[in-house]
PDB file of all heavy atoms in Angstrom:
ATOM      1  N   LEU A   1     182.725 118.870 277.263  1.00  0.00           N
ATOM      2  CA  LEU A   1     183.128 118.837 278.725  1.00  0.00           C
ATOM      3  C   LEU A   1     183.641 120.296 279.163  1.00  0.00           C
ATOM      4  O   LEU A   1     183.408 120.752 280.160  1.00  0.00           O
ATOM      5  CB  LEU A   1     184.134 117.872 278.905  1.00  0.00           C
ATOM      6  CG  LEU A   1     183.789 116.439 279.214  1.00  0.00           C
ATOM      7  CD1 LEU A   1     184.937 115.646 279.253  1.00  0.00           C
ATOM      8  CD2 LEU A   1     182.932 116.359 280.439  1.00  0.00           C
ATOM      9  N   ASP A   2     184.135 121.052 278.120  1.00  0.00           N
ATOM     10  CA  ASP A   2     184.692 122.321 278.476  1.00  0.00           C
ATOM     11  C   ASP A   2     183.631 123.334 278.905  1.00  0.00           C
ATOM     12  O   ASP A   2     183.979 124.345 279.555  1.00  0.00           O
ATOM     13  CB  ASP A   2     185.501 122.807 277.244  1.00  0.00           C
ATOM     14  CG  ASP A   2     184.688 123.026 276.043  1.00  0.00           C
ATOM     15  OD1 ASP A   2     183.726 122.370 275.883  1.00  0.00           O
ATOM     16  OD2 ASP A   2     185.011 124.019 275.235  1.00  0.00           O
ATOM     17  N   ALA A   3     182.330 122.982 278.677  1.00  0.00           N
ATOM     18  CA  ALA A   3     181.355 123.941 279.034  1.00  0.00           C
ATOM     19  C   ALA A   3     181.156 123.912 280.663  1.00  0.00           C
ATOM     20  O   ALA A   3     180.531 124.791 281.088  1.00  0.00           O
ATOM     21  CB  ALA A   3     179.929 123.389 278.363  1.00  0.00           C
ATOM     22  N   LEU A   4     181.425 122.780 281.271  1.00  0.00           N
ATOM     23  CA  LEU A   4     181.195 122.620 282.638  1.00  0.00           C
ATOM     24  C   LEU A   4     181.664 123.773 283.536  1.00  0.00           C
ATOM     25  O   LEU A   4     181.037 124.260 284.534  1.00  0.00           O
ATOM     26  CB  LEU A   4     181.771 121.259 283.174  1.00  0.00           C
ATOM     27  CG  LEU A   4     181.068 120.067 282.762  1.00  0.00           C
ATOM     28  CD1 LEU A   4     181.810 118.796 283.144  1.00  0.00           C
ATOM     29  CD2 LEU A   4     179.652 119.934 283.127  1.00  0.00           C
ATOM     30  N   GLY A   5     182.864 124.247 283.324  1.00  0.00           N
ATOM     31  CA  GLY A   5     183.424 125.247 284.120  1.00  0.00           C
ATOM     32  C   GLY A   5     183.147 126.724 283.661  1.00  0.00           C
ATOM     33  O   GLY A   5     183.590 127.665 284.406  1.00  0.00           O
ATOM     34  N   LYS A   6     182.354 126.880 282.707  1.00  0.00           N
ATOM     35  CA  LYS A   6     182.097 128.218 282.082  1.00  0.00           C
ATOM     36  C   LYS A   6     180.769 128.721 282.770  1.00  0.00           C
ATOM     37  O   LYS A   6     180.037 128.040 283.397  1.00  0.00           O
ATOM     38  CB  LYS A   6     181.967 128.108 280.569  1.00  0.00           C
ATOM     39  CG  LYS A   6     183.226 127.846 279.922  1.00  0.00           C
ATOM     40  CD  LYS A   6     182.983 127.912 278.355  1.00  0.00           C
ATOM     41  CE  LYS A   6     184.334 127.581 277.635  1.00  0.00           C
ATOM     42  NZ  LYS A   6     184.143 127.737 276.167  1.00  0.00           N
ATOM     43  N   TYR A   7     180.526 130.023 282.512  1.00  0.00           N
ATOM     44  CA  TYR A   7     179.323 130.753 283.073  1.00  0.00           C
ATOM     45  C   TYR A   7     178.304 131.088 281.877  1.00  0.00           C
ATOM     46  O   TYR A   7     178.807 131.227 280.707  1.00  0.00           O
ATOM     47  CB  TYR A   7     179.788 132.113 283.726  1.00  0.00           C
ATOM     48  CG  TYR A   7     180.526 131.743 285.009  1.00  0.00           C
ATOM     49  CD1 TYR A   7     181.861 131.471 284.957  1.00  0.00           C
ATOM     50  CD2 TYR A   7     179.827 131.730 286.288  1.00  0.00           C
ATOM     51  CE1 TYR A   7     182.545 131.205 286.186  1.00  0.00           C
ATOM     52  CE2 TYR A   7     180.448 131.397 287.461  1.00  0.00           C
ATOM     53  CZ  TYR A   7     181.784 131.227 287.401  1.00  0.00           C
ATOM     54  OH  TYR A   7     182.549 130.936 288.588  1.00  0.00           O
ATOM     55  N   PRO A   8     177.028 131.292 282.125  1.00  0.00           N
ATOM     56  CA  PRO A   8     176.157 131.536 281.023  1.00  0.00           C
ATOM     57  C   PRO A   8     176.500 132.650 280.177  1.00  0.00           C
ATOM     58  O   PRO A   8     176.113 132.551 278.941  1.00  0.00           O
ATOM     59  CB  PRO A   8     174.885 131.830 281.842  1.00  0.00           C
ATOM     60  CG  PRO A   8     174.996 131.057 283.195  1.00  0.00           C
ATOM     61  CD  PRO A   8     176.435 131.167 283.484  1.00  0.00           C
ATOM     62  N   HIS A   9     177.108 133.634 280.499  1.00  0.00           N
ATOM     63  CA  HIS A   9     177.450 134.874 279.691  1.00  0.00           C
ATOM     64  C   HIS A   9     178.378 134.543 278.559  1.00  0.00           C
ATOM     65  O   HIS A   9     178.497 135.229 277.661  1.00  0.00           O
ATOM     66  CB  HIS A   9     177.881 136.027 280.486  1.00  0.00           C
ATOM     67  CG  HIS A   9     179.425 135.932 281.014  1.00  0.00           C
ATOM     68  ND1 HIS A   9     179.609 135.252 282.161  1.00  0.00           N
ATOM     69  CD2 HIS A   9     180.415 136.123 280.351  1.00  0.00           C
ATOM     70  CE1 HIS A   9     180.931 135.276 282.346  1.00  0.00           C
ATOM     71  NE2 HIS A   9     181.598 135.813 281.276  1.00  0.00           N
ATOM     72  N   GLU A  10     179.105 133.358 278.758  1.00  0.00           N
ATOM     73  CA  GLU A  10     179.989 132.894 277.741  1.00  0.00           C
ATOM     74  C   GLU A  10     179.427 132.145 276.546  1.00  0.00           C
ATOM     75  O   GLU A  10     180.085 131.667 275.718  1.00  0.00           O
ATOM     76  CB  GLU A  10     181.073 132.010 278.386  1.00  0.00           C
ATOM     77  CG  GLU A  10     181.871 132.866 279.471  1.00  0.00           C
ATOM     78  CD  GLU A  10     182.924 131.892 280.153  1.00  0.00           C
ATOM     79  OE1 GLU A  10     183.951 131.541 279.402  1.00  0.00           O
ATOM     80  OE2 GLU A  10     182.806 131.486 281.215  1.00  0.00           O
ATOM     81  N   PHE A  11     178.046 132.124 276.566  1.00  0.00           N
ATOM     82  CA  PHE A  11     177.289 131.223 275.581  1.00  0.00           C
ATOM     83  C   PHE A  11     176.245 132.044 274.803  1.00  0.00           C
ATOM     84  O   PHE A  11     175.774 133.183 275.342  1.00  0.00           O
ATOM     85  CB  PHE A  11     176.688 130.054 276.252  1.00  0.00           C
ATOM     86  CG  PHE A  11     177.447 129.078 276.923  1.00  0.00           C
ATOM     87  CD1 PHE A  11     177.897 129.167 278.195  1.00  0.00           C
ATOM     88  CD2 PHE A  11     178.036 127.968 276.105  1.00  0.00           C
ATOM     89  CE1 PHE A  11     178.652 128.305 278.768  1.00  0.00           C
ATOM     90  CE2 PHE A  11     178.975 127.157 276.743  1.00  0.00           C
ATOM     91  CZ  PHE A  11     179.320 127.235 278.141  1.00  0.00           C
ATOM     92  N   SER A  12     175.986 131.726 273.614  1.00  0.00           N
ATOM     93  CA  SER A  12     174.965 132.369 272.787  1.00  0.00           C
ATOM     94  C   SER A  12     173.543 131.889 273.382  1.00  0.00           C
ATOM     95  O   SER A  12     173.459 131.015 274.263  1.00  0.00           O
ATOM     96  CB  SER A  12     175.018 131.971 271.431  1.00  0.00           C
ATOM     97  OG  SER A  12     174.782 130.521 271.182  1.00  0.00           O
ATOM     98  N   GLY A  13     172.526 132.651 272.920  1.00  0.00           N
ATOM     99  CA  GLY A  13     171.151 132.190 273.208  1.00  0.00           C
ATOM    100  C   GLY A  13     170.813 130.848 273.082  1.00  0.00           C
ATOM    101  O   GLY A  13     170.244 130.206 273.885  1.00  0.00           O
ATOM    102  N   GLY A  14     171.115 130.251 271.932  1.00  0.00           N
ATOM    103  CA  GLY A  14     170.837 128.873 271.550  1.00  0.00           C
ATOM    104  C   GLY A  14     171.593 127.947 272.440  1.00  0.00           C
ATOM    105  O   GLY A  14     170.999 126.893 272.915  1.00  0.00           O
ATOM    106  N   GLN A  15     172.896 128.330 272.799  1.00  0.00           N
ATOM    107  CA  GLN A  15     173.568 127.392 273.560  1.00  0.00           C
ATOM    108  C   GLN A  15     173.111 127.400 275.109  1.00  0.00           C
ATOM    109  O   GLN A  15     173.120 126.440 275.682  1.00  0.00           O
ATOM    110  CB  GLN A  15     175.143 127.878 273.656  1.00  0.00           C
ATOM    111  CG  GLN A  15     175.858 127.524 272.347  1.00  0.00           C
ATOM    112  CD  GLN A  15     177.135 128.146 272.226  1.00  0.00           C
ATOM    113  OE1 GLN A  15     177.494 129.238 272.782  1.00  0.00           O
ATOM    114  NE2 GLN A  15     178.043 127.436 271.674  1.00  0.00           N
ATOM    115  N   ARG A  16     172.615 128.570 275.468  1.00  0.00           N
ATOM    116  CA  ARG A  16     172.027 128.721 276.905  1.00  0.00           C
ATOM    117  C   ARG A  16     170.754 127.769 276.880  1.00  0.00           C
ATOM    118  O   ARG A  16     170.533 127.187 278.039  1.00  0.00           O
ATOM    119  CB  ARG A  16     171.590 130.124 277.143  1.00  0.00           C
ATOM    120  CG  ARG A  16     172.946 131.019 277.241  1.00  0.00           C
ATOM    121  CD  ARG A  16     172.458 132.421 277.809  1.00  0.00           C
ATOM    122  NE  ARG A  16     173.655 133.362 277.602  1.00  0.00           N
ATOM    123  CZ  ARG A  16     173.682 134.539 278.179  1.00  0.00           C
ATOM    124  NH1 ARG A  16     172.579 135.000 278.901  1.00  0.00           N
ATOM    125  NH2 ARG A  16     174.528 135.415 277.835  1.00  0.00           N
ATOM    126  N   GLN A  17     169.962 127.819 275.858  1.00  0.00           N
ATOM    127  CA  GLN A  17     168.800 126.962 275.914  1.00  0.00           C
ATOM    128  C   GLN A  17     169.107 125.450 275.911  1.00  0.00           C
ATOM    129  O   GLN A  17     168.440 124.701 276.488  1.00  0.00           O
ATOM    130  CB  GLN A  17     167.897 127.309 274.815  1.00  0.00           C
ATOM    131  CG  GLN A  17     166.389 126.834 275.059  1.00  0.00           C
ATOM    132  CD  GLN A  17     165.653 127.535 276.190  1.00  0.00           C
ATOM    133  OE1 GLN A  17     166.097 127.380 277.257  1.00  0.00           O
ATOM    134  NE2 GLN A  17     164.514 128.205 275.888  1.00  0.00           N
ATOM    135  N   ARG A  18     170.176 125.064 275.287  1.00  0.00           N
ATOM    136  CA  ARG A  18     170.717 123.731 275.256  1.00  0.00           C
ATOM    137  C   ARG A  18     171.146 123.415 276.855  1.00  0.00           C
ATOM    138  O   ARG A  18     170.938 122.260 277.165  1.00  0.00           O
ATOM    139  CB  ARG A  18     171.890 123.581 274.269  1.00  0.00           C
ATOM    140  CG  ARG A  18     171.408 123.557 272.831  1.00  0.00           C
ATOM    141  CD  ARG A  18     172.680 123.629 271.919  1.00  0.00           C
ATOM    142  NE  ARG A  18     172.319 123.629 270.469  1.00  0.00           N
ATOM    143  CZ  ARG A  18     172.247 122.639 269.713  1.00  0.00           C
ATOM    144  NH1 ARG A  18     172.370 121.438 270.260  1.00  0.00           N
ATOM    145  NH2 ARG A  18     171.836 122.671 268.525  1.00  0.00           N
ATOM    146  N   ILE A  19     171.708 124.248 277.376  1.00  0.00           N
ATOM    147  CA  ILE A  19     172.154 124.139 278.832  1.00  0.00           C
ATOM    148  C   ILE A  19     170.866 123.806 279.613  1.00  0.00           C
ATOM    149  O   ILE A  19     170.693 123.045 280.590  1.00  0.00           O
ATOM    150  CB  ILE A  19     172.918 125.337 279.377  1.00  0.00           C
ATOM    151  CG1 ILE A  19     174.272 125.335 278.703  1.00  0.00           C
ATOM    152  CG2 ILE A  19     173.114 125.210 280.861  1.00  0.00           C
ATOM    153  CD1 ILE A  19     175.128 126.547 278.895  1.00  0.00           C
ATOM    154  N   ALA A  20     169.865 124.711 279.390  1.00  0.00           N
ATOM    155  CA  ALA A  20     168.541 124.570 280.132  1.00  0.00           C
ATOM    156  C   ALA A  20     167.940 123.188 279.836  1.00  0.00           C
ATOM    157  O   ALA A  20     167.371 122.623 280.795  1.00  0.00           O
ATOM    158  CB  ALA A  20     167.603 125.689 279.747  1.00  0.00           C
ATOM    159  N   ILE A  21     167.915 122.739 278.540  1.00  0.00           N
ATOM    160  CA  ILE A  21     167.478 121.410 278.358  1.00  0.00           C
ATOM    161  C   ILE A  21     168.275 120.408 278.872  1.00  0.00           C
ATOM    162  O   ILE A  21     167.681 119.265 279.480  1.00  0.00           O
ATOM    163  CB  ILE A  21     167.457 121.297 276.756  1.00  0.00           C
ATOM    164  CG1 ILE A  21     166.474 122.244 276.098  1.00  0.00           C
ATOM    165  CG2 ILE A  21     167.073 119.736 276.441  1.00  0.00           C
ATOM    166  CD1 ILE A  21     166.558 122.334 274.614  1.00  0.00           C
ATOM    167  N   ALA A  22     169.575 120.472 278.995  1.00  0.00           N
ATOM    168  CA  ALA A  22     170.517 119.598 279.718  1.00  0.00           C
ATOM    169  C   ALA A  22     170.036 119.500 281.280  1.00  0.00           C
ATOM    170  O   ALA A  22     169.899 118.355 281.864  1.00  0.00           O
ATOM    171  CB  ALA A  22     171.861 119.926 279.614  1.00  0.00           C
ATOM    172  N   ARG A  23     169.693 120.581 281.730  1.00  0.00           N
ATOM    173  CA  ARG A  23     169.311 120.588 283.142  1.00  0.00           C
ATOM    174  C   ARG A  23     168.079 119.853 283.386  1.00  0.00           C
ATOM    175  O   ARG A  23     167.804 119.102 284.288  1.00  0.00           O
ATOM    176  CB  ARG A  23     169.270 122.135 283.761  1.00  0.00           C
ATOM    177  CG  ARG A  23     168.474 122.116 285.227  1.00  0.00           C
ATOM    178  CD  ARG A  23     168.654 123.575 285.485  1.00  0.00           C
ATOM    179  NE  ARG A  23     167.853 124.465 284.678  1.00  0.00           N
ATOM    180  CZ  ARG A  23     167.780 125.721 284.803  1.00  0.00           C
ATOM    181  NH1 ARG A  23     168.354 126.297 285.815  1.00  0.00           N
ATOM    182  NH2 ARG A  23     166.888 126.447 284.003  1.00  0.00           N
ATOM    183  N   ALA A  24     167.076 120.007 282.357  1.00  0.00           N
ATOM    184  CA  ALA A  24     165.901 119.243 282.479  1.00  0.00           C
ATOM    185  C   ALA A  24     166.049 117.729 282.176  1.00  0.00           C
ATOM    186  O   ALA A  24     165.317 117.005 282.863  1.00  0.00           O
ATOM    187  CB  ALA A  24     164.856 119.756 281.482  1.00  0.00           C
ATOM    188  N   LEU A  25     167.091 117.348 281.466  1.00  0.00           N
ATOM    189  CA  LEU A  25     167.283 116.003 281.127  1.00  0.00           C
ATOM    190  C   LEU A  25     167.940 115.199 282.306  1.00  0.00           C
ATOM    191  O   LEU A  25     167.937 114.000 282.289  1.00  0.00           O
ATOM    192  CB  LEU A  25     167.972 115.741 279.858  1.00  0.00           C
ATOM    193  CG  LEU A  25     167.273 116.191 278.567  1.00  0.00           C
ATOM    194  CD1 LEU A  25     168.180 116.027 277.364  1.00  0.00           C
ATOM    195  CD2 LEU A  25     166.091 115.286 278.412  1.00  0.00           C
ATOM    196  N   ILE A  26     168.640 115.839 283.038  1.00  0.00           N
ATOM    197  CA  ILE A  26     169.654 115.187 284.059  1.00  0.00           C
ATOM    198  C   ILE A  26     168.940 114.191 285.068  1.00  0.00           C
ATOM    199  O   ILE A  26     169.659 113.267 285.465  1.00  0.00           O
ATOM    200  CB  ILE A  26     170.499 116.320 284.737  1.00  0.00           C
ATOM    201  CG1 ILE A  26     171.822 115.574 285.329  1.00  0.00           C
ATOM    202  CG2 ILE A  26     169.676 116.975 285.957  1.00  0.00           C
ATOM    203  CD1 ILE A  26     172.819 116.508 285.781  1.00  0.00           C
ATOM    204  N   THR A  27     167.693 114.426 285.381  1.00  0.00           N
ATOM    205  CA  THR A  27     167.021 113.463 286.300  1.00  0.00           C
ATOM    206  C   THR A  27     166.341 112.319 285.461  1.00  0.00           C
ATOM    207  O   THR A  27     165.710 111.472 286.094  1.00  0.00           O
ATOM    208  CB  THR A  27     165.961 114.169 287.012  1.00  0.00           C
ATOM    209  OG1 THR A  27     164.941 114.689 286.211  1.00  0.00           O
ATOM    210  CG2 THR A  27     166.582 115.227 287.924  1.00  0.00           C
ATOM    211  N   ARG A  28     166.661 112.371 284.161  1.00  0.00           N
ATOM    212  CA  ARG A  28     166.045 111.285 283.218  1.00  0.00           C
ATOM    213  C   ARG A  28     164.543 111.275 283.463  1.00  0.00           C
ATOM    214  O   ARG A  28     163.868 110.266 283.798  1.00  0.00           O
ATOM    215  CB  ARG A  28     166.582 109.932 283.656  1.00  0.00           C
ATOM    216  CG  ARG A  28     168.053 109.865 283.200  1.00  0.00           C
ATOM    217  CD  ARG A  28     168.841 108.892 283.964  1.00  0.00           C
ATOM    218  NE  ARG A  28     170.300 109.020 283.675  1.00  0.00           N
ATOM    219  CZ  ARG A  28     171.190 108.351 284.445  1.00  0.00           C
ATOM    220  NH1 ARG A  28     170.829 107.479 285.369  1.00  0.00           N
ATOM    221  NH2 ARG A  28     172.425 108.438 284.135  1.00  0.00           N
ATOM    222  N   PRO A  29     163.788 112.372 283.176  1.00  0.00           N
ATOM    223  CA  PRO A  29     162.370 112.543 283.378  1.00  0.00           C
ATOM    224  C   PRO A  29     161.502 111.810 282.294  1.00  0.00           C
ATOM    225  O   PRO A  29     162.134 111.367 281.309  1.00  0.00           O
ATOM    226  CB  PRO A  29     162.120 114.041 283.277  1.00  0.00           C
ATOM    227  CG  PRO A  29     163.124 114.522 282.288  1.00  0.00           C
ATOM    228  CD  PRO A  29     164.347 113.714 282.574  1.00  0.00           C
ATOM    229  N   ARG A  30     160.329 111.600 282.609  1.00  0.00           N
ATOM    230  CA  ARG A  30     159.376 110.980 281.544  1.00  0.00           C
ATOM    231  C   ARG A  30     158.502 112.089 280.917  1.00  0.00           C
ATOM    232  O   ARG A  30     158.019 111.915 279.870  1.00  0.00           O
ATOM    233  CB  ARG A  30     158.503 109.986 282.251  1.00  0.00           C
ATOM    234  CG  ARG A  30     159.309 108.815 282.975  1.00  0.00           C
ATOM    235  CD  ARG A  30     158.210 107.804 283.445  1.00  0.00           C
ATOM    236  NE  ARG A  30     157.593 107.151 282.344  1.00  0.00           N
ATOM    237  CZ  ARG A  30     156.338 106.614 282.438  1.00  0.00           C
ATOM    238  NH1 ARG A  30     155.950 106.291 283.603  1.00  0.00           N
ATOM    239  NH2 ARG A  30     155.856 106.020 281.426  1.00  0.00           N
ATOM    240  N   LEU A  31     158.497 113.243 281.406  1.00  0.00           N
ATOM    241  CA  LEU A  31     157.665 114.331 280.939  1.00  0.00           C
ATOM    242  C   LEU A  31     158.466 115.645 281.017  1.00  0.00           C
ATOM    243  O   LEU A  31     159.065 115.972 282.072  1.00  0.00           O
ATOM    244  CB  LEU A  31     156.339 114.576 281.668  1.00  0.00           C
ATOM    245  CG  LEU A  31     155.458 115.756 281.397  1.00  0.00           C
ATOM    246  CD1 LEU A  31     154.930 115.707 279.880  1.00  0.00           C
ATOM    247  CD2 LEU A  31     154.438 115.778 282.404  1.00  0.00           C
ATOM    248  N   ILE A  32     158.457 116.436 279.919  1.00  0.00           N
ATOM    249  CA  ILE A  32     159.044 117.766 279.962  1.00  0.00           C
ATOM    250  C   ILE A  32     157.965 118.652 279.517  1.00  0.00           C
ATOM    251  O   ILE A  32     157.253 118.510 278.486  1.00  0.00           O
ATOM    252  CB  ILE A  32     160.252 117.861 278.954  1.00  0.00           C
ATOM    253  CG1 ILE A  32     161.439 117.141 279.569  1.00  0.00           C
ATOM    254  CG2 ILE A  32     160.643 119.277 278.576  1.00  0.00           C
ATOM    255  CD1 ILE A  32     162.752 117.188 278.695  1.00  0.00           C
ATOM    256  N   VAL A  33     157.880 119.668 280.305  1.00  0.00           N
ATOM    257  CA  VAL A  33     157.011 120.833 280.067  1.00  0.00           C
ATOM    258  C   VAL A  33     157.876 122.026 279.628  1.00  0.00           C
ATOM    259  O   VAL A  33     158.632 122.478 280.215  1.00  0.00           O
ATOM    260  CB  VAL A  33     156.093 121.342 281.313  1.00  0.00           C
ATOM    261  CG1 VAL A  33     155.244 122.488 280.932  1.00  0.00           C
ATOM    262  CG2 VAL A  33     155.331 120.145 281.742  1.00  0.00           C
ATOM    263  N   ALA A  34     157.627 122.368 278.282  1.00  0.00           N
ATOM    264  CA  ALA A  34     158.328 123.418 277.616  1.00  0.00           C
ATOM    265  C   ALA A  34     157.561 124.528 277.362  1.00  0.00           C
ATOM    266  O   ALA A  34     156.516 124.642 276.640  1.00  0.00           O
ATOM    267  CB  ALA A  34     158.964 122.881 276.107  1.00  0.00           C
ATOM    268  N   ASP A  35     157.731 125.773 278.060  1.00  0.00           N
ATOM    269  CA  ASP A  35     156.965 126.961 278.184  1.00  0.00           C
ATOM    270  C   ASP A  35     157.598 127.981 277.222  1.00  0.00           C
ATOM    271  O   ASP A  35     158.674 128.652 277.627  1.00  0.00           O
ATOM    272  CB  ASP A  35     156.710 127.386 279.498  1.00  0.00           C
ATOM    273  CG  ASP A  35     155.661 128.550 279.442  1.00  0.00           C
ATOM    274  OD1 ASP A  35     155.104 128.968 278.325  1.00  0.00           O
ATOM    275  OD2 ASP A  35     155.527 129.296 280.564  1.00  0.00           O
ATOM    276  N   GLU A  36     157.164 128.090 275.881  1.00  0.00           N
ATOM    277  CA  GLU A  36     157.669 129.024 274.959  1.00  0.00           C
ATOM    278  C   GLU A  36     159.294 128.894 274.857  1.00  0.00           C
ATOM    279  O   GLU A  36     160.028 129.825 275.053  1.00  0.00           O
ATOM    280  CB  GLU A  36     157.439 130.472 275.381  1.00  0.00           C
ATOM    281  CG  GLU A  36     155.802 130.667 275.415  1.00  0.00           C
ATOM    282  CD  GLU A  36     155.369 131.109 274.029  1.00  0.00           C
ATOM    283  OE1 GLU A  36     156.000 130.924 273.026  1.00  0.00           O
ATOM    284  OE2 GLU A  36     154.143 131.605 274.019  1.00  0.00           O
ATOM    285  N   PRO A  37     159.823 127.617 274.696  1.00  0.00           N
ATOM    286  CA  PRO A  37     161.268 127.482 274.729  1.00  0.00           C
ATOM    287  C   PRO A  37     162.078 128.140 273.730  1.00  0.00           C
ATOM    288  O   PRO A  37     163.319 128.207 273.845  1.00  0.00           O
ATOM    289  CB  PRO A  37     161.395 126.007 274.766  1.00  0.00           C
ATOM    290  CG  PRO A  37     160.196 125.487 273.933  1.00  0.00           C
ATOM    291  CD  PRO A  37     159.026 126.402 274.261  1.00  0.00           C
TER     292      PRO A  37
END
């Protein structure tokens, strides 16, 4: 939960990609297109 109020520069590359994946999951999609993730 502590990640909610932080900014991208406070995270490593791997953590930033986890944030990007969380953004993709939030609408509960059926298909994810991952372009060189």
